[in-house]
C-alpha cells in the first residue's frame, strides 16, 4: 500500500522490496553469508544496472538480489518541486517486467513476481545509511530473514 499523502514521482530516496511469487528461490542461494547468483539472479542484478543507465533521473544507490526477493534504494534525482517523468510504481514495474521477460526467455516459463512491492520513504541521511547497511548485510542474515526459504532456483 502506497502512502496516500505522498507523491511518488517526487524527489527522494525510496527503499523497495519485491518478492517472487510464492517466494520461490529463483535467483540462487546463500552460501557462507554470500549470495551466489545463478543465471536468473544475474538477470535480476543486471536489470538494476540497466535502470541506473536508462533513466537519467534515477540512481539505484544500493541493491541486493536475494534467493527470492530484491531490495534496492532508488533515488529520484529531480529539481526540488519538479516531478519525475515516471512514478516509483512505474519504475519498479519496468524492473519487474524486464526481469520477468528475460527469465522466461531463459527457460523459466512460470516465473512471476508477487503482486506489487513494499516501499519505505527514506526521510534522512541516517536512515539512508542504516538501510544501505541492511541491504549490504542482507545475505549474512538470510537464516533470520522473513523471506528465508530452503531450496534454490
Protein backbone atom coordinates (compact mmCIF):
# COMPACT_ATOMS: atom_id res chain seq x y z
CA UNK A 1 0.00 0.00 0.00
CA UNK A 2 1.46 3.31 -1.03
CA UNK A 3 1.21 6.26 1.35
CA UNK A 4 -1.80 8.18 0.04
CA UNK A 5 -0.43 11.58 1.01
CA UNK A 6 2.92 11.15 -0.79
CA UNK A 7 3.76 12.00 -4.40
CA UNK A 8 5.80 9.01 -5.62
CA UNK A 9 7.20 10.99 -8.53
CA UNK A 10 8.75 13.50 -6.12
CA UNK A 11 12.46 13.87 -5.45
CA UNK A 12 13.61 11.50 -2.73
CA UNK A 13 15.03 8.21 -1.55
CA UNK A 14 12.88 5.08 -1.63
CA UNK A 15 13.64 1.66 -0.16
CA UNK A 16 11.83 -1.01 -2.16
CA UNK A 17 11.43 -4.75 -1.75
CA UNK A 18 9.77 -7.10 -4.17
CA UNK A 19 9.49 -10.86 -3.85
CA UNK A 20 8.96 -13.72 -6.24
CA UNK A 21 5.56 -15.37 -6.47
CA UNK A 22 5.16 -17.96 -3.69
CA UNK A 23 8.66 -16.88 -2.51
CA UNK A 24 10.30 -19.40 -4.83
CA UNK A 25 14.09 -19.13 -4.74
CA UNK A 26 14.72 -18.44 -8.43
CA UNK A 27 17.83 -16.26 -8.11
CA UNK A 28 20.41 -18.52 -6.48
CA UNK A 29 21.46 -19.41 -2.96
CA UNK A 30 23.21 -18.14 0.11
CA UNK A 31 26.49 -19.85 0.92
CA UNK A 32 28.61 -18.80 3.90
CA UNK A 33 26.85 -15.44 4.11
CA UNK A 34 27.31 -14.64 0.42
CA UNK A 35 24.67 -14.52 -2.27
CA UNK A 36 25.61 -16.84 -5.13
CA UNK A 37 23.65 -15.69 -8.16
CA UNK A 38 22.55 -18.22 -10.74
CA UNK A 39 21.76 -17.17 -14.32
CA UNK A 40 18.35 -15.81 -13.24
CA UNK A 41 19.88 -13.91 -10.34
CA UNK A 42 22.36 -12.38 -12.78
CA UNK A 43 19.41 -11.18 -14.86
CA UNK A 44 17.80 -9.59 -11.77
CA UNK A 45 21.14 -7.98 -10.87
CA UNK A 46 21.77 -6.64 -14.38
CA UNK A 47 18.35 -5.02 -14.57
CA UNK A 48 19.14 -2.75 -11.58
CA UNK A 49 22.21 -1.62 -13.53
CA UNK A 50 20.02 -1.10 -16.60
CA UNK A 51 17.65 1.10 -14.58
CA UNK A 52 20.59 3.22 -13.44
CA UNK A 53 21.74 3.68 -17.04
CA UNK A 54 18.37 4.02 -18.77
CA UNK A 55 16.67 6.65 -16.63
CA UNK A 56 18.72 9.81 -16.22
CA UNK A 57 16.67 10.89 -13.19
CA UNK A 58 17.14 7.59 -11.32
CA UNK A 59 20.03 6.33 -9.24
CA UNK A 60 19.94 2.87 -7.74
CA UNK A 61 22.14 3.62 -4.74
CA UNK A 62 22.27 0.18 -3.16
CA UNK A 63 20.68 -3.13 -4.03
CA UNK A 64 20.89 -6.82 -3.37
CA UNK A 65 19.41 -9.78 -5.16
CA UNK A 66 18.50 -12.48 -2.66
CA UNK A 67 17.28 -16.02 -3.47
CA UNK A 68 13.61 -14.96 -3.69
CA UNK A 69 13.48 -11.20 -3.33
CA UNK A 70 15.33 -8.00 -4.11
CA UNK A 71 15.96 -4.86 -2.08
CA UNK A 72 17.02 -1.52 -3.52
CA UNK A 73 17.33 2.12 -2.64
CA UNK A 74 16.05 4.13 -5.58
CA UNK A 75 16.75 7.85 -5.69
CA UNK A 76 14.64 10.14 -7.84
CA UNK A 77 17.00 13.00 -8.68
CA UNK A 78 14.96 15.87 -9.99
CA UNK A 79 14.93 19.57 -9.20
CA UNK A 80 13.10 20.49 -5.99
CA UNK A 81 9.40 20.93 -6.70
CA UNK A 82 9.57 19.11 -10.04
CA UNK A 83 8.13 15.68 -10.74
CA UNK A 84 9.88 12.71 -12.29
CA UNK A 85 8.54 11.51 -15.65
CA UNK A 86 7.85 8.12 -14.03
CA UNK A 87 6.47 7.25 -10.60
CA UNK A 88 8.16 4.81 -8.25
CA UNK A 89 5.48 2.23 -9.11
CA UNK A 90 6.16 2.63 -12.83
CA UNK A 91 9.90 2.23 -12.27
CA UNK A 92 9.53 -0.91 -10.16
CA UNK A 93 7.01 -2.19 -12.71
CA UNK A 94 9.55 -1.66 -15.51
CA UNK A 95 12.19 -3.53 -13.50
CA UNK A 96 9.87 -6.45 -12.78
CA UNK A 97 8.66 -6.63 -16.39
CA UNK A 98 12.19 -6.70 -17.80
CA UNK A 99 13.38 -9.31 -15.29
CA UNK A 100 10.31 -11.48 -15.93
CA UNK A 101 10.65 -11.36 -19.72
CA UNK A 102 14.33 -12.26 -19.63
CA UNK A 103 13.94 -15.07 -17.11
CA UNK A 104 11.05 -16.57 -19.06
CA UNK A 105 13.09 -16.35 -22.26
CA UNK A 106 15.99 -18.04 -20.43
CA UNK A 107 13.82 -21.04 -19.58
CA UNK A 108 11.57 -20.47 -16.56
CA UNK A 109 8.22 -20.02 -18.29
CA UNK A 110 6.32 -19.89 -14.99
CA UNK A 111 8.46 -17.15 -13.41
CA UNK A 112 6.46 -14.36 -11.81
CA UNK A 113 6.65 -11.77 -9.08
CA UNK A 114 4.34 -11.35 -6.14
CA UNK A 115 1.85 -8.61 -6.92
CA UNK A 116 3.02 -5.09 -6.00
CA UNK A 117 6.02 -4.30 -3.80
CA UNK A 118 6.86 -2.88 -0.39
CA UNK A 119 8.22 0.64 -0.17
CA UNK A 120 9.57 2.87 2.54
CA UNK A 121 10.23 6.58 2.09
CA UNK A 122 13.70 7.33 3.45
CA UNK A 123 13.46 10.64 5.28
CA UNK A 124 17.03 11.44 6.31
CA UNK A 125 20.71 10.61 5.81
CA UNK A 126 20.92 8.46 8.96
CA UNK A 127 18.02 6.28 7.79
CA UNK A 128 19.59 6.08 4.33
CA UNK A 129 22.84 4.73 5.80
CA UNK A 130 21.03 2.27 8.08
CA UNK A 131 19.03 0.87 5.17
CA UNK A 132 22.09 0.73 2.89
CA UNK A 133 23.90 -1.30 5.57
CA UNK A 134 20.87 -3.59 5.91
CA UNK A 135 20.93 -4.19 2.15
CA UNK A 136 24.69 -4.81 2.11
CA UNK A 137 24.48 -7.28 5.01
CA UNK A 138 21.24 -9.00 3.99
CA UNK A 139 22.96 -12.21 2.77
CA UNK A 140 24.74 -12.57 6.14
CA UNK A 141 21.38 -12.68 7.91
CA UNK A 142 19.47 -14.87 5.45
CA UNK A 143 18.74 -17.51 8.10
CA UNK A 144 16.84 -14.85 10.12
CA UNK A 145 15.15 -13.24 7.10
CA UNK A 146 11.35 -13.38 6.97
CA UNK A 147 11.63 -14.39 3.29
CA UNK A 148 14.06 -17.24 4.01
CA UNK A 149 13.15 -20.48 2.27
CA UNK A 150 15.20 -23.57 1.60
CA UNK A 151 15.87 -24.65 -1.94
CA UNK A 152 17.27 -22.69 -4.82
CA UNK A 153 16.45 -21.97 -8.40
